[in-house]
Amino acid sequence: MNEINVSIPYSFFKDIFEDSFKYNLMPTTDEHASTSIENVKKYWVLLNSGTRNELIRLSKCYISLNGRKKDDVKDFLQWAEDNIHNQHQASLQRPLVDMLPVVNMAKVNHKAGD
C-alpha cells in the first residue's frame, strides 16, 4: 500500500479516526471490525484520553447492538481498559541531540585569562 505523509490538525485527525472506527463497527460491516480494531491498537499512543474514551463508548454500543463479532470487540475493550493510561504522545518529534548542559561563559573566560 502506498503511504502519503500529510500534516493535518489533530482535531481533524481525531474526527476522521472516530468516524472510521464507528462506521467499521456498525453491524452491517462486521467484516471490517477486526481491521478497525487493529488500527486503533496501532495508533493508540497518538490518541488523547477523550478520543480513547469515545472509542471505548462506541465499542460498548456495538456490543449492545448484538454485533456478530462480539468476541473481537470484547477483547478490544479489555485491551483498551488495560492500556487507557498509556502516555499520549502530543508530538512524535524528538530532539536531534540529547539535552546539553548550560555553561556559564563568564567563568570559562575568567579561567582562560588566569
PDB file of N, CA and C in Angstrom:
ATOM      1  N   MET A   1       0.837  -1.168   0.000  1.00  0.00           N
ATOM      2  CA  MET A   1       0.000   0.000   0.000  1.00  0.00           C
ATOM      3  C   MET A   1       0.881   1.230   0.000  1.00  0.00           C
ATOM      4  N   ASN A   2       0.541   2.200  -0.829  1.00  0.00           N
ATOM      5  CA  ASN A   2       1.274   3.455  -0.867  1.00  0.00           C
ATOM      6  C   ASN A   2       0.942   4.288   0.352  1.00  0.00           C
ATOM      7  N   GLU A   3       1.907   5.032   0.813  1.00  0.00           N
ATOM      8  CA  GLU A   3       1.729   5.841   2.011  1.00  0.00           C
ATOM      9  C   GLU A   3       1.962   7.297   1.665  1.00  0.00           C
ATOM     10  N   ILE A   4       1.093   8.154   2.177  1.00  0.00           N
ATOM     11  CA  ILE A   4       1.216   9.587   1.957  1.00  0.00           C
ATOM     12  C   ILE A   4       1.324  10.250   3.325  1.00  0.00           C
ATOM     13  N   ASN A   5       2.349  11.037   3.522  1.00  0.00           N
ATOM     14  CA  ASN A   5       2.514  11.765   4.778  1.00  0.00           C
ATOM     15  C   ASN A   5       1.952  13.169   4.603  1.00  0.00           C
ATOM     16  N   VAL A   6       0.978  13.513   5.427  1.00  0.00           N
ATOM     17  CA  VAL A   6       0.369  14.834   5.359  1.00  0.00           C
ATOM     18  C   VAL A   6       0.326  15.436   6.762  1.00  0.00           C
ATOM     19  N   SER A   7       0.211  16.717   6.807  1.00  0.00           N
ATOM     20  CA  SER A   7       0.097  17.412   8.077  1.00  0.00           C
ATOM     21  C   SER A   7      -1.319  17.954   8.196  1.00  0.00           C
ATOM     22  N   ILE A   8      -2.052  17.453   9.191  1.00  0.00           N
ATOM     23  CA  ILE A   8      -3.421  17.910   9.412  1.00  0.00           C
ATOM     24  C   ILE A   8      -3.592  18.241  10.891  1.00  0.00           C
ATOM     25  N   PRO A   9      -4.541  19.112  11.217  1.00  0.00           N
ATOM     26  CA  PRO A   9      -4.782  19.404  12.632  1.00  0.00           C
ATOM     27  C   PRO A   9      -5.238  18.148  13.364  1.00  0.00           C
ATOM     28  N   TYR A  10      -4.850  18.044  14.643  1.00  0.00           N
ATOM     29  CA  TYR A  10      -5.198  16.871  15.428  1.00  0.00           C
ATOM     30  C   TYR A  10      -6.710  16.690  15.527  1.00  0.00           C
ATOM     31  N   SER A  11      -7.437  17.782  15.648  1.00  0.00           N
ATOM     32  CA  SER A  11      -8.896  17.686  15.783  1.00  0.00           C
ATOM     33  C   SER A  11      -9.518  17.031  14.547  1.00  0.00           C
ATOM     34  N   PHE A  12      -8.979  17.325  13.382  1.00  0.00           N
ATOM     35  CA  PHE A  12      -9.476  16.727  12.144  1.00  0.00           C
ATOM     36  C   PHE A  12      -9.128  15.233  12.097  1.00  0.00           C
ATOM     37  N   PHE A  13      -7.891  14.911  12.474  1.00  0.00           N
ATOM     38  CA  PHE A  13      -7.462  13.510  12.531  1.00  0.00           C
ATOM     39  C   PHE A  13      -8.367  12.716  13.474  1.00  0.00           C
ATOM     40  N   LYS A  14      -8.637  13.294  14.652  1.00  0.00           N
ATOM     41  CA  LYS A  14      -9.460  12.642  15.658  1.00  0.00           C
ATOM     42  C   LYS A  14     -10.863  12.373  15.115  1.00  0.00           C
ATOM     43  N   ASP A  15     -11.455  13.367  14.464  1.00  0.00           N
ATOM     44  CA  ASP A  15     -12.803  13.205  13.910  1.00  0.00           C
ATOM     45  C   ASP A  15     -12.846  12.111  12.846  1.00  0.00           C
ATOM     46  N   ILE A  16     -11.881  12.111  11.954  1.00  0.00           N
ATOM     47  CA  ILE A  16     -11.825  11.096  10.896  1.00  0.00           C
ATOM     48  C   ILE A  16     -11.620   9.711  11.502  1.00  0.00           C
ATOM     49  N   PHE A  17     -10.735   9.620  12.484  1.00  0.00           N
ATOM     50  CA  PHE A  17     -10.432   8.334  13.116  1.00  0.00           C
ATOM     51  C   PHE A  17     -11.662   7.781  13.818  1.00  0.00           C
ATOM     52  N   GLU A  18     -12.357   8.622  14.580  1.00  0.00           N
ATOM     53  CA  GLU A  18     -13.563   8.175  15.287  1.00  0.00           C
ATOM     54  C   GLU A  18     -14.657   7.760  14.306  1.00  0.00           C
ATOM     55  N   ASP A  19     -14.855   8.545  13.247  1.00  0.00           N
ATOM     56  CA  ASP A  19     -15.888   8.210  12.260  1.00  0.00           C
ATOM     57  C   ASP A  19     -15.576   6.898  11.545  1.00  0.00           C
ATOM     58  N   SER A  20     -14.319   6.693  11.218  1.00  0.00           N
ATOM     59  CA  SER A  20     -13.918   5.444  10.564  1.00  0.00           C
ATOM     60  C   SER A  20     -14.162   4.254  11.478  1.00  0.00           C
ATOM     61  N   PHE A  21     -13.784   4.396  12.743  1.00  0.00           N
ATOM     62  CA  PHE A  21     -13.985   3.321  13.716  1.00  0.00           C
ATOM     63  C   PHE A  21     -15.471   3.022  13.871  1.00  0.00           C
ATOM     64  N   LYS A  22     -16.273   4.062  14.009  1.00  0.00           N
ATOM     65  CA  LYS A  22     -17.716   3.893  14.191  1.00  0.00           C
ATOM     66  C   LYS A  22     -18.336   3.196  12.976  1.00  0.00           C
ATOM     67  N   TYR A  23     -17.957   3.626  11.786  1.00  0.00           N
ATOM     68  CA  TYR A  23     -18.507   3.025  10.566  1.00  0.00           C
ATOM     69  C   TYR A  23     -18.119   1.550  10.461  1.00  0.00           C
ATOM     70  N   ASN A  24     -16.878   1.244  10.751  1.00  0.00           N
ATOM     71  CA  ASN A  24     -16.402  -0.138  10.612  1.00  0.00           C
ATOM     72  C   ASN A  24     -16.921  -1.071  11.695  1.00  0.00           C
ATOM     73  N   LEU A  25     -17.449  -0.520  12.787  1.00  0.00           N
ATOM     74  CA  LEU A  25     -18.030  -1.371  13.825  1.00  0.00           C
ATOM     75  C   LEU A  25     -19.528  -1.567  13.657  1.00  0.00           C
ATOM     76  N   MET A  26     -20.131  -0.839  12.744  1.00  0.00           N
ATOM     77  CA  MET A  26     -21.575  -0.994  12.541  1.00  0.00           C
ATOM     78  C   MET A  26     -21.890  -2.441  12.202  1.00  0.00           C
ATOM     79  N   PRO A  27     -23.015  -2.970  12.704  1.00  0.00           N
ATOM     80  CA  PRO A  27     -23.354  -4.376  12.462  1.00  0.00           C
ATOM     81  C   PRO A  27     -23.397  -4.768  10.987  1.00  0.00           C
ATOM     82  N   THR A  28     -23.625  -3.822  10.100  1.00  0.00           N
ATOM     83  CA  THR A  28     -23.677  -4.157   8.677  1.00  0.00           C
ATOM     84  C   THR A  28     -22.289  -4.302   8.069  1.00  0.00           C
ATOM     85  N   THR A  29     -21.249  -3.931   8.802  1.00  0.00           N
ATOM     86  CA  THR A  29     -19.892  -4.014   8.269  1.00  0.00           C
ATOM     87  C   THR A  29     -18.979  -4.826   9.184  1.00  0.00           C
ATOM     88  N   ASP A  30     -19.482  -5.925   9.720  1.00  0.00           N
ATOM     89  CA  ASP A  30     -18.710  -6.739  10.664  1.00  0.00           C
ATOM     90  C   ASP A  30     -17.363  -7.202  10.116  1.00  0.00           C
ATOM     91  N   GLU A  31     -17.254  -7.404   8.812  1.00  0.00           N
ATOM     92  CA  GLU A  31     -16.001  -7.912   8.261  1.00  0.00           C
ATOM     93  C   GLU A  31     -14.852  -6.920   8.430  1.00  0.00           C
ATOM     94  N   HIS A  32     -15.174  -5.642   8.669  1.00  0.00           N
ATOM     95  CA  HIS A  32     -14.124  -4.639   8.831  1.00  0.00           C
ATOM     96  C   HIS A  32     -13.798  -4.354  10.295  1.00  0.00           C
ATOM     97  N   ALA A  33     -14.540  -4.935  11.220  1.00  0.00           N
ATOM     98  CA  ALA A  33     -14.343  -4.656  12.642  1.00  0.00           C
ATOM     99  C   ALA A  33     -12.936  -5.012  13.105  1.00  0.00           C
ATOM    100  N   SER A  34     -12.435  -6.159  12.715  1.00  0.00           N
ATOM    101  CA  SER A  34     -11.099  -6.589  13.156  1.00  0.00           C
ATOM    102  C   SER A  34     -10.021  -5.643  12.653  1.00  0.00           C
ATOM    103  N   THR A  35     -10.122  -5.229  11.409  1.00  0.00           N
ATOM    104  CA  THR A  35      -9.145  -4.306  10.839  1.00  0.00           C
ATOM    105  C   THR A  35      -9.187  -2.972  11.565  1.00  0.00           C
ATOM    106  N   SER A  36     -10.385  -2.504  11.853  1.00  0.00           N
ATOM    107  CA  SER A  36     -10.543  -1.242  12.555  1.00  0.00           C
ATOM    108  C   SER A  36      -9.940  -1.314  13.956  1.00  0.00           C
ATOM    109  N   ILE A  37     -10.149  -2.408  14.646  1.00  0.00           N
ATOM    110  CA  ILE A  37      -9.592  -2.589  15.991  1.00  0.00           C
ATOM    111  C   ILE A  37      -8.070  -2.622  15.937  1.00  0.00           C
ATOM    112  N   GLU A  38      -7.514  -3.297  14.958  1.00  0.00           N
ATOM    113  CA  GLU A  38      -6.055  -3.342  14.822  1.00  0.00           C
ATOM    114  C   GLU A  38      -5.486  -1.945  14.573  1.00  0.00           C
ATOM    115  N   ASN A  39      -6.179  -1.131  13.781  1.00  0.00           N
ATOM    116  CA  ASN A  39      -5.728   0.243  13.540  1.00  0.00           C
ATOM    117  C   ASN A  39      -5.756   1.064  14.821  1.00  0.00           C
ATOM    118  N   VAL A  40      -6.785   0.883  15.626  1.00  0.00           N
ATOM    119  CA  VAL A  40      -6.867   1.613  16.891  1.00  0.00           C
ATOM    120  C   VAL A  40      -5.702   1.224  17.794  1.00  0.00           C
ATOM    121  N   LYS A  41      -5.408  -0.061  17.879  1.00  0.00           N
ATOM    122  CA  LYS A  41      -4.287  -0.507  18.711  1.00  0.00           C
ATOM    123  C   LYS A  41      -2.963   0.057  18.195  1.00  0.00           C
ATOM    124  N   LYS A  42      -2.830   0.110  16.888  1.00  0.00           N
ATOM    125  CA  LYS A  42      -1.595   0.605  16.279  1.00  0.00           C
ATOM    126  C   LYS A  42      -1.372   2.084  16.589  1.00  0.00           C
ATOM    127  N   TYR A  43      -2.451   2.877  16.561  1.00  0.00           N
ATOM    128  CA  TYR A  43      -2.328   4.324  16.737  1.00  0.00           C
ATOM    129  C   TYR A  43      -2.790   4.806  18.111  1.00  0.00           C
ATOM    130  N   TRP A  44      -2.967   3.893  19.058  1.00  0.00           N
ATOM    131  CA  TRP A  44      -3.470   4.221  20.391  1.00  0.00           C
ATOM    132  C   TRP A  44      -2.656   5.322  21.066  1.00  0.00           C
ATOM    133  N   VAL A  45      -1.348   5.263  20.939  1.00  0.00           N
ATOM    134  CA  VAL A  45      -0.479   6.217  21.614  1.00  0.00           C
ATOM    135  C   VAL A  45      -0.678   7.642  21.084  1.00  0.00           C
ATOM    136  N   LEU A  46      -1.221   7.773  19.881  1.00  0.00           N
ATOM    137  CA  LEU A  46      -1.469   9.102  19.314  1.00  0.00           C
ATOM    138  C   LEU A  46      -2.761   9.732  19.814  1.00  0.00           C
ATOM    139  N   LEU A  47      -3.617   8.938  20.420  1.00  0.00           N
ATOM    140  CA  LEU A  47      -4.948   9.404  20.794  1.00  0.00           C
ATOM    141  C   LEU A  47      -4.975   9.973  22.204  1.00  0.00           C
ATOM    142  N   ASN A  48      -5.703  11.082  22.370  1.00  0.00           N
ATOM    143  CA  ASN A  48      -5.834  11.647  23.712  1.00  0.00           C
ATOM    144  C   ASN A  48      -6.909  10.894  24.482  1.00  0.00           C
ATOM    145  N   SER A  49      -7.071  11.211  25.754  1.00  0.00           N
ATOM    146  CA  SER A  49      -7.993  10.449  26.601  1.00  0.00           C
ATOM    147  C   SER A  49      -9.442  10.581  26.143  1.00  0.00           C
ATOM    148  N   GLY A  50      -9.836  11.748  25.645  1.00  0.00           N
ATOM    149  CA  GLY A  50     -11.200  11.925  25.159  1.00  0.00           C
ATOM    150  C   GLY A  50     -11.507  11.019  23.978  1.00  0.00           C
ATOM    151  N   THR A  51     -10.568  10.921  23.055  1.00  0.00           N
ATOM    152  CA  THR A  51     -10.743  10.059  21.884  1.00  0.00           C
ATOM    153  C   THR A  51     -10.752   8.597  22.296  1.00  0.00           C
ATOM    154  N   ARG A  52      -9.886   8.218  23.210  1.00  0.00           N
ATOM    155  CA  ARG A  52      -9.855   6.836  23.698  1.00  0.00           C
ATOM    156  C   ARG A  52     -11.188   6.475  24.344  1.00  0.00           C
ATOM    157  N   ASN A  53     -11.698   7.380  25.178  1.00  0.00           N
ATOM    158  CA  ASN A  53     -12.983   7.122  25.833  1.00  0.00           C
ATOM    159  C   ASN A  53     -14.117   7.020  24.824  1.00  0.00           C
ATOM    160  N   GLU A  54     -14.070   7.820  23.769  1.00  0.00           N
ATOM    161  CA  GLU A  54     -15.105   7.760  22.738  1.00  0.00           C
ATOM    162  C   GLU A  54     -15.053   6.417  21.999  1.00  0.00           C
ATOM    163  N   LEU A  55     -13.870   5.926  21.698  1.00  0.00           N
ATOM    164  CA  LEU A  55     -13.744   4.636  21.017  1.00  0.00           C
ATOM    165  C   LEU A  55     -14.233   3.493  21.913  1.00  0.00           C
ATOM    166  N   ILE A  56     -13.984   3.606  23.204  1.00  0.00           N
ATOM    167  CA  ILE A  56     -14.494   2.600  24.146  1.00  0.00           C
ATOM    168  C   ILE A  56     -16.014   2.663  24.190  1.00  0.00           C
ATOM    169  N   ARG A  57     -16.566   3.879  24.220  1.00  0.00           N
ATOM    170  CA  ARG A  57     -18.019   4.036  24.238  1.00  0.00           C
ATOM    171  C   ARG A  57     -18.648   3.451  22.970  1.00  0.00           C
ATOM    172  N   LEU A  58     -18.037   3.716  21.823  1.00  0.00           N
ATOM    173  CA  LEU A  58     -18.550   3.161  20.565  1.00  0.00           C
ATOM    174  C   LEU A  58     -18.509   1.637  20.578  1.00  0.00           C
ATOM    175  N   SER A  59     -17.474   1.072  21.160  1.00  0.00           N
ATOM    176  CA  SER A  59     -17.363  -0.386  21.242  1.00  0.00           C
ATOM    177  C   SER A  59     -18.458  -0.974  22.118  1.00  0.00           C
ATOM    178  N   LYS A  60     -18.751  -0.316  23.226  1.00  0.00           N
ATOM    179  CA  LYS A  60     -19.823  -0.784  24.108  1.00  0.00           C
ATOM    180  C   LYS A  60     -21.178  -0.695  23.407  1.00  0.00           C
ATOM    181  N   CYS A  61     -21.383   0.364  22.618  1.00  0.00           N
ATOM    182  CA  CYS A  61     -22.631   0.484  21.838  1.00  0.00           C
ATOM    183  C   CYS A  61     -22.739  -0.653  20.829  1.00  0.00           C
ATOM    184  N   TYR A  62     -21.622  -0.980  20.196  1.00  0.00           N
ATOM    185  CA  TYR A  62     -21.579  -2.057  19.215  1.00  0.00           C
ATOM    186  C   TYR A  62     -22.012  -3.373  19.854  1.00  0.00           C
ATOM    187  N   ILE A  63     -21.485  -3.662  21.031  1.00  0.00           N
ATOM    188  CA  ILE A  63     -21.844  -4.904  21.726  1.00  0.00           C
ATOM    189  C   ILE A  63     -23.329  -4.912  22.065  1.00  0.00           C
ATOM    190  N   SER A  64     -23.851  -3.777  22.477  1.00  0.00           N
ATOM    191  CA  SER A  64     -25.271  -3.722  22.832  1.00  0.00           C
ATOM    192  C   SER A  64     -26.180  -3.916  21.617  1.00  0.00           C
ATOM    193  N   LEU A  65     -25.664  -3.703  20.408  1.00  0.00           N
ATOM    194  CA  LEU A  65     -26.450  -3.906  19.184  1.00  0.00           C
ATOM    195  C   LEU A  65     -26.360  -5.331  18.660  1.00  0.00           C
ATOM    196  N   ASN A  66     -25.766  -6.236  19.429  1.00  0.00           N
ATOM    197  CA  ASN A  66     -25.631  -7.648  19.054  1.00  0.00           C
ATOM    198  C   ASN A  66     -24.839  -7.857  17.770  1.00  0.00           C
ATOM    199  N   GLY A  67     -23.700  -7.201  17.684  1.00  0.00           N
ATOM    200  CA  GLY A  67     -22.828  -7.418  16.538  1.00  0.00           C
ATOM    201  C   GLY A  67     -22.332  -8.845  16.503  1.00  0.00           C
ATOM    202  N   ARG A  68     -22.073  -9.377  15.321  1.00  0.00           N
ATOM    203  CA  ARG A  68     -21.659 -10.775  15.196  1.00  0.00           C
ATOM    204  C   ARG A  68     -20.242 -11.015  15.703  1.00  0.00           C
ATOM    205  N   LYS A  69     -19.394 -10.003  15.677  1.00  0.00           N
ATOM    206  CA  LYS A  69     -18.009 -10.192  16.112  1.00  0.00           C
ATOM    207  C   LYS A  69     -17.805  -9.674  17.531  1.00  0.00           C
ATOM    208  N   LYS A  70     -18.702 -10.053  18.417  1.00  0.00           N
ATOM    209  CA  LYS A  70     -18.630  -9.579  19.789  1.00  0.00           C
ATOM    210  C   LYS A  70     -17.309  -9.927  20.468  1.00  0.00           C
ATOM    211  N   ASP A  71     -16.771 -11.100  20.192  1.00  0.00           N
ATOM    212  CA  ASP A  71     -15.553 -11.530  20.877  1.00  0.00           C
ATOM    213  C   ASP A  71     -14.388 -10.589  20.562  1.00  0.00           C
ATOM    214  N   ASP A  72     -14.235 -10.196  19.292  1.00  0.00           N
ATOM    215  CA  ASP A  72     -13.169  -9.267  18.931  1.00  0.00           C
ATOM    216  C   ASP A  72     -13.327  -7.948  19.664  1.00  0.00           C
ATOM    217  N   VAL A  73     -14.547  -7.448  19.731  1.00  0.00           N
ATOM    218  CA  VAL A  73     -14.788  -6.168  20.375  1.00  0.00           C
ATOM    219  C   VAL A  73     -14.629  -6.288  21.889  1.00  0.00           C
ATOM    220  N   LYS A  74     -15.067  -7.398  22.467  1.00  0.00           N
ATOM    221  CA  LYS A  74     -14.875  -7.603  23.901  1.00  0.00           C
ATOM    222  C   LYS A  74     -13.388  -7.684  24.238  1.00  0.00           C
ATOM    223  N   ASP A  75     -12.617  -8.356  23.405  1.00  0.00           N
ATOM    224  CA  ASP A  75     -11.172  -8.414  23.604  1.00  0.00           C
ATOM    225  C   ASP A  75     -10.561  -7.015  23.505  1.00  0.00           C
ATOM    226  N   PHE A  76     -11.043  -6.235  22.533  1.00  0.00           N
ATOM    227  CA  PHE A  76     -10.554  -4.868  22.391  1.00  0.00           C
ATOM    228  C   PHE A  76     -10.884  -4.040  23.629  1.00  0.00           C
ATOM    229  N   LEU A  77     -12.105  -4.172  24.143  1.00  0.00           N
ATOM    230  CA  LEU A  77     -12.486  -3.417  25.336  1.00  0.00           C
ATOM    231  C   LEU A  77     -11.577  -3.747  26.514  1.00  0.00           C
ATOM    232  N   GLN A  78     -11.264  -5.007  26.693  1.00  0.00           N
ATOM    233  CA  GLN A  78     -10.350  -5.396  27.773  1.00  0.00           C
ATOM    234  C   GLN A  78      -8.970  -4.794  27.534  1.00  0.00           C
ATOM    235  N   TRP A  79      -8.487  -4.884  26.283  1.00  0.00           N
ATOM    236  CA  TRP A  79      -7.184  -4.309  25.941  1.00  0.00           C
ATOM    237  C   TRP A  79      -7.187  -2.801  26.188  1.00  0.00           C
ATOM    238  N   ALA A  80      -8.259  -2.111  25.777  1.00  0.00           N
ATOM    239  CA  ALA A  80      -8.348  -0.663  25.934  1.00  0.00           C
ATOM    240  C   ALA A  80      -8.350  -0.267  27.408  1.00  0.00           C
ATOM    241  N   GLU A  81      -9.074  -1.010  28.227  1.00  0.00           N
ATOM    242  CA  GLU A  81      -9.095  -0.704  29.655  1.00  0.00           C
ATOM    243  C   GLU A  81      -7.724  -0.929  30.291  1.00  0.00           C
ATOM    244  N   ASP A  82      -6.993  -1.922  29.815  1.00  0.00           N
ATOM    245  CA  ASP A  82      -5.647  -2.174  30.328  1.00  0.00           C
ATOM    246  C   ASP A  82      -4.657  -1.096  29.884  1.00  0.00           C
ATOM    247  N   ASN A  83      -4.917  -0.477  28.727  1.00  0.00           N
ATOM    248  CA  ASN A  83      -3.980   0.487  28.144  1.00  0.00           C
ATOM    249  C   ASN A  83      -4.499   1.917  28.135  1.00  0.00           C
ATOM    250  N   ILE A  84      -5.579   2.180  28.846  1.00  0.00           N
ATOM    251  CA  ILE A  84      -6.202   3.506  28.806  1.00  0.00           C
ATOM    252  C   ILE A  84      -5.255   4.601  29.277  1.00  0.00           C
ATOM    253  N   HIS A  85      -4.349   4.276  30.175  1.00  0.00           N
ATOM    254  CA  HIS A  85      -3.477   5.297  30.744  1.00  0.00           C
ATOM    255  C   HIS A  85      -2.101   5.373  30.080  1.00  0.00           C
ATOM    256  N   ASN A  86      -1.907   4.676  28.973  1.00  0.00           N
ATOM    257  CA  ASN A  86      -0.645   4.806  28.258  1.00  0.00           C
ATOM    258  C   ASN A  86      -0.451   6.258  27.865  1.00  0.00           C
ATOM    259  N   GLN A  87       0.764   6.705  27.941  1.00  0.00           N
ATOM    260  CA  GLN A  87       1.046   8.114  27.697  1.00  0.00           C
ATOM    261  C   GLN A  87       0.678   8.514  26.273  1.00  0.00           C
ATOM    262  N   HIS A  88      -0.050   9.614  26.180  1.00  0.00           N
ATOM    263  CA  HIS A  88      -0.386  10.208  24.889  1.00  0.00           C
ATOM    264  C   HIS A  88       0.827  10.988  24.420  1.00  0.00           C
ATOM    265  N   GLN A  89       1.264  10.755  23.202  1.00  0.00           N
ATOM    266  CA  GLN A  89       2.401  11.485  22.656  1.00  0.00           C
ATOM    267  C   GLN A  89       1.880  12.662  21.853  1.00  0.00           C
ATOM    268  N   ALA A  90       1.941  13.835  22.442  1.00  0.00           N
ATOM    269  CA  ALA A  90       1.465  15.032  21.756  1.00  0.00           C
ATOM    270  C   ALA A  90       2.313  15.304  20.525  1.00  0.00           C
ATOM    271  N   SER A  91       3.565  14.983  20.591  1.00  0.00           N
ATOM    272  CA  SER A  91       4.454  15.193  19.455  1.00  0.00           C
ATOM    273  C   SER A  91       5.394  14.011  19.360  1.00  0.00           C
ATOM    274  N   LEU A  92       5.517  13.464  18.181  1.00  0.00           N
ATOM    275  CA  LEU A  92       6.428  12.341  17.989  1.00  0.00           C
ATOM    276  C   LEU A  92       7.830  12.813  17.655  1.00  0.00           C
ATOM    277  N   GLN A  93       8.007  14.124  17.496  1.00  0.00           N
ATOM    278  CA  GLN A  93       9.321  14.644  17.157  1.00  0.00           C
ATOM    279  C   GLN A  93      10.231  14.545  18.366  1.00  0.00           C
ATOM    280  N   ARG A  94      11.456  14.204  18.105  1.00  0.00           N
ATOM    281  CA  ARG A  94      12.450  14.048  19.154  1.00  0.00           C
ATOM    282  C   ARG A  94      13.605  14.978  18.831  1.00  0.00           C
ATOM    283  N   PRO A  95      14.214  15.598  19.839  1.00  0.00           N
ATOM    284  CA  PRO A  95      15.367  16.460  19.562  1.00  0.00           C
ATOM    285  C   PRO A  95      16.468  15.663  18.863  1.00  0.00           C
ATOM    286  N   LEU A  96      17.215  16.348  18.022  1.00  0.00           N
ATOM    287  CA  LEU A  96      18.288  15.680  17.287  1.00  0.00           C
ATOM    288  C   LEU A  96      19.436  15.280  18.202  1.00  0.00           C
ATOM    289  N   VAL A  97      19.641  16.030  19.283  1.00  0.00           N
ATOM    290  CA  VAL A  97      20.704  15.707  20.233  1.00  0.00           C
ATOM    291  C   VAL A  97      20.100  15.652  21.626  1.00  0.00           C
ATOM    292  N   ASP A  98      20.786  14.979  22.535  1.00  0.00           N
ATOM    293  CA  ASP A  98      20.361  14.980  23.926  1.00  0.00           C
ATOM    294  C   ASP A  98      20.553  16.381  24.492  1.00  0.00           C
ATOM    295  N   MET A  99      19.891  16.641  25.594  1.00  0.00           N
ATOM    296  CA  MET A  99      19.994  17.958  26.214  1.00  0.00           C
ATOM    297  C   MET A  99      21.444  18.230  26.610  1.00  0.00           C
ATOM    298  N   LEU A 100      21.917  19.423  26.280  1.00  0.00           N
ATOM    299  CA  LEU A 100      23.285  19.811  26.604  1.00  0.00           C
ATOM    300  C   LEU A 100      23.283  20.648  27.879  1.00  0.00           C
ATOM    301  N   PRO A 101      24.346  20.545  28.686  1.00  0.00           N
ATOM    302  CA  PRO A 101      24.398  21.342  29.915  1.00  0.00           C
ATOM    303  C   PRO A 101      24.608  22.828  29.586  1.00  0.00           C
ATOM    304  N   VAL A 102      24.111  23.687  30.466  1.00  0.00           N
ATOM    305  CA  VAL A 102      24.301  25.128  30.312  1.00  0.00           C
ATOM    306  C   VAL A 102      25.668  25.476  30.863  1.00  0.00           C
ATOM    307  N   VAL A 103      26.417  26.278  30.103  1.00  0.00           N
ATOM    308  CA  VAL A 103      27.766  26.661  30.501  1.00  0.00           C
ATOM    309  C   VAL A 103      27.780  28.160  30.790  1.00  0.00           C
ATOM    310  N   ASN A 104      28.310  28.528  31.929  1.00  0.00           N
ATOM    311  CA  ASN A 104      28.461  29.930  32.287  1.00  0.00           C
ATOM    312  C   ASN A 104      29.740  30.432  31.644  1.00  0.00           C
ATOM    313  N   MET A 105      29.600  31.209  30.575  1.00  0.00           N
ATOM    314  CA  MET A 105      30.769  31.656  29.808  1.00  0.00           C
ATOM    315  C   MET A 105      31.648  32.622  30.605  1.00  0.00           C
ATOM    316  N   ALA A 106      31.055  33.319  31.567  1.00  0.00           N
ATOM    317  CA  ALA A 106      31.861  34.240  32.386  1.00  0.00           C
ATOM    318  C   ALA A 106      32.909  33.460  33.170  1.00  0.00           C
ATOM    319  N   LYS A 107      32.545  32.351  33.710  1.00  0.00           N
ATOM    320  CA  LYS A 107      33.500  31.529  34.462  1.00  0.00           C
ATOM    321  C   LYS A 107      34.537  30.910  33.522  1.00  0.00           C
ATOM    322  N   VAL A 108      34.109  30.491  32.353  1.00  0.00           N
ATOM    323  CA  VAL A 108      35.020  29.878  31.389  1.00  0.00           C
ATOM    324  C   VAL A 108      36.046  30.902  30.927  1.00  0.00           C
ATOM    325  N   ASN A 109      35.598  32.102  30.587  1.00  0.00           N
ATOM    326  CA  ASN A 109      36.508  33.150  30.117  1.00  0.00           C
ATOM    327  C   ASN A 109      37.442  33.614  31.238  1.00  0.00           C
ATOM    328  N   HIS A 110      36.946  33.655  32.485  1.00  0.00           N
ATOM    329  CA  HIS A 110      37.773  34.072  33.621  1.00  0.00           C
ATOM    330  C   HIS A 110      38.902  33.074  33.843  1.00  0.00           C
ATOM    331  N   LYS A 111      38.608  31.789  33.753  1.00  0.00           N
ATOM    332  CA  LYS A 111      39.643  30.771  33.961  1.00  0.00           C
ATOM    333  C   LYS A 111      40.654  30.801  32.822  1.00  0.00           C
ATOM    334  N   ALA A 112      40.215  31.104  31.620  1.00  0.00           N
ATOM    335  CA  ALA A 112      41.136  31.164  30.481  1.00  0.00           C
ATOM    336  C   ALA A 112      42.091  32.323  30.636  1.00  0.00           C
ATOM    337  N   GLY A 113      41.663  33.399  31.309  1.00  0.00           N
ATOM    338  CA  GLY A 113      42.512  34.576  31.476  1.00  0.00           C
ATOM    339  C   GLY A 113      43.526  34.415  32.592  1.00  0.00           C
ATOM    340  N   ASP A 114      43.374  33.431  33.464  1.00  0.00           N
ATOM    341  CA  ASP A 114      44.302  33.243  34.599  1.00  0.00           C
ATOM    342  C   ASP A 114      45.637  32.786  34.162  1.00  0.00           C
TER     343      ASP A 114
END
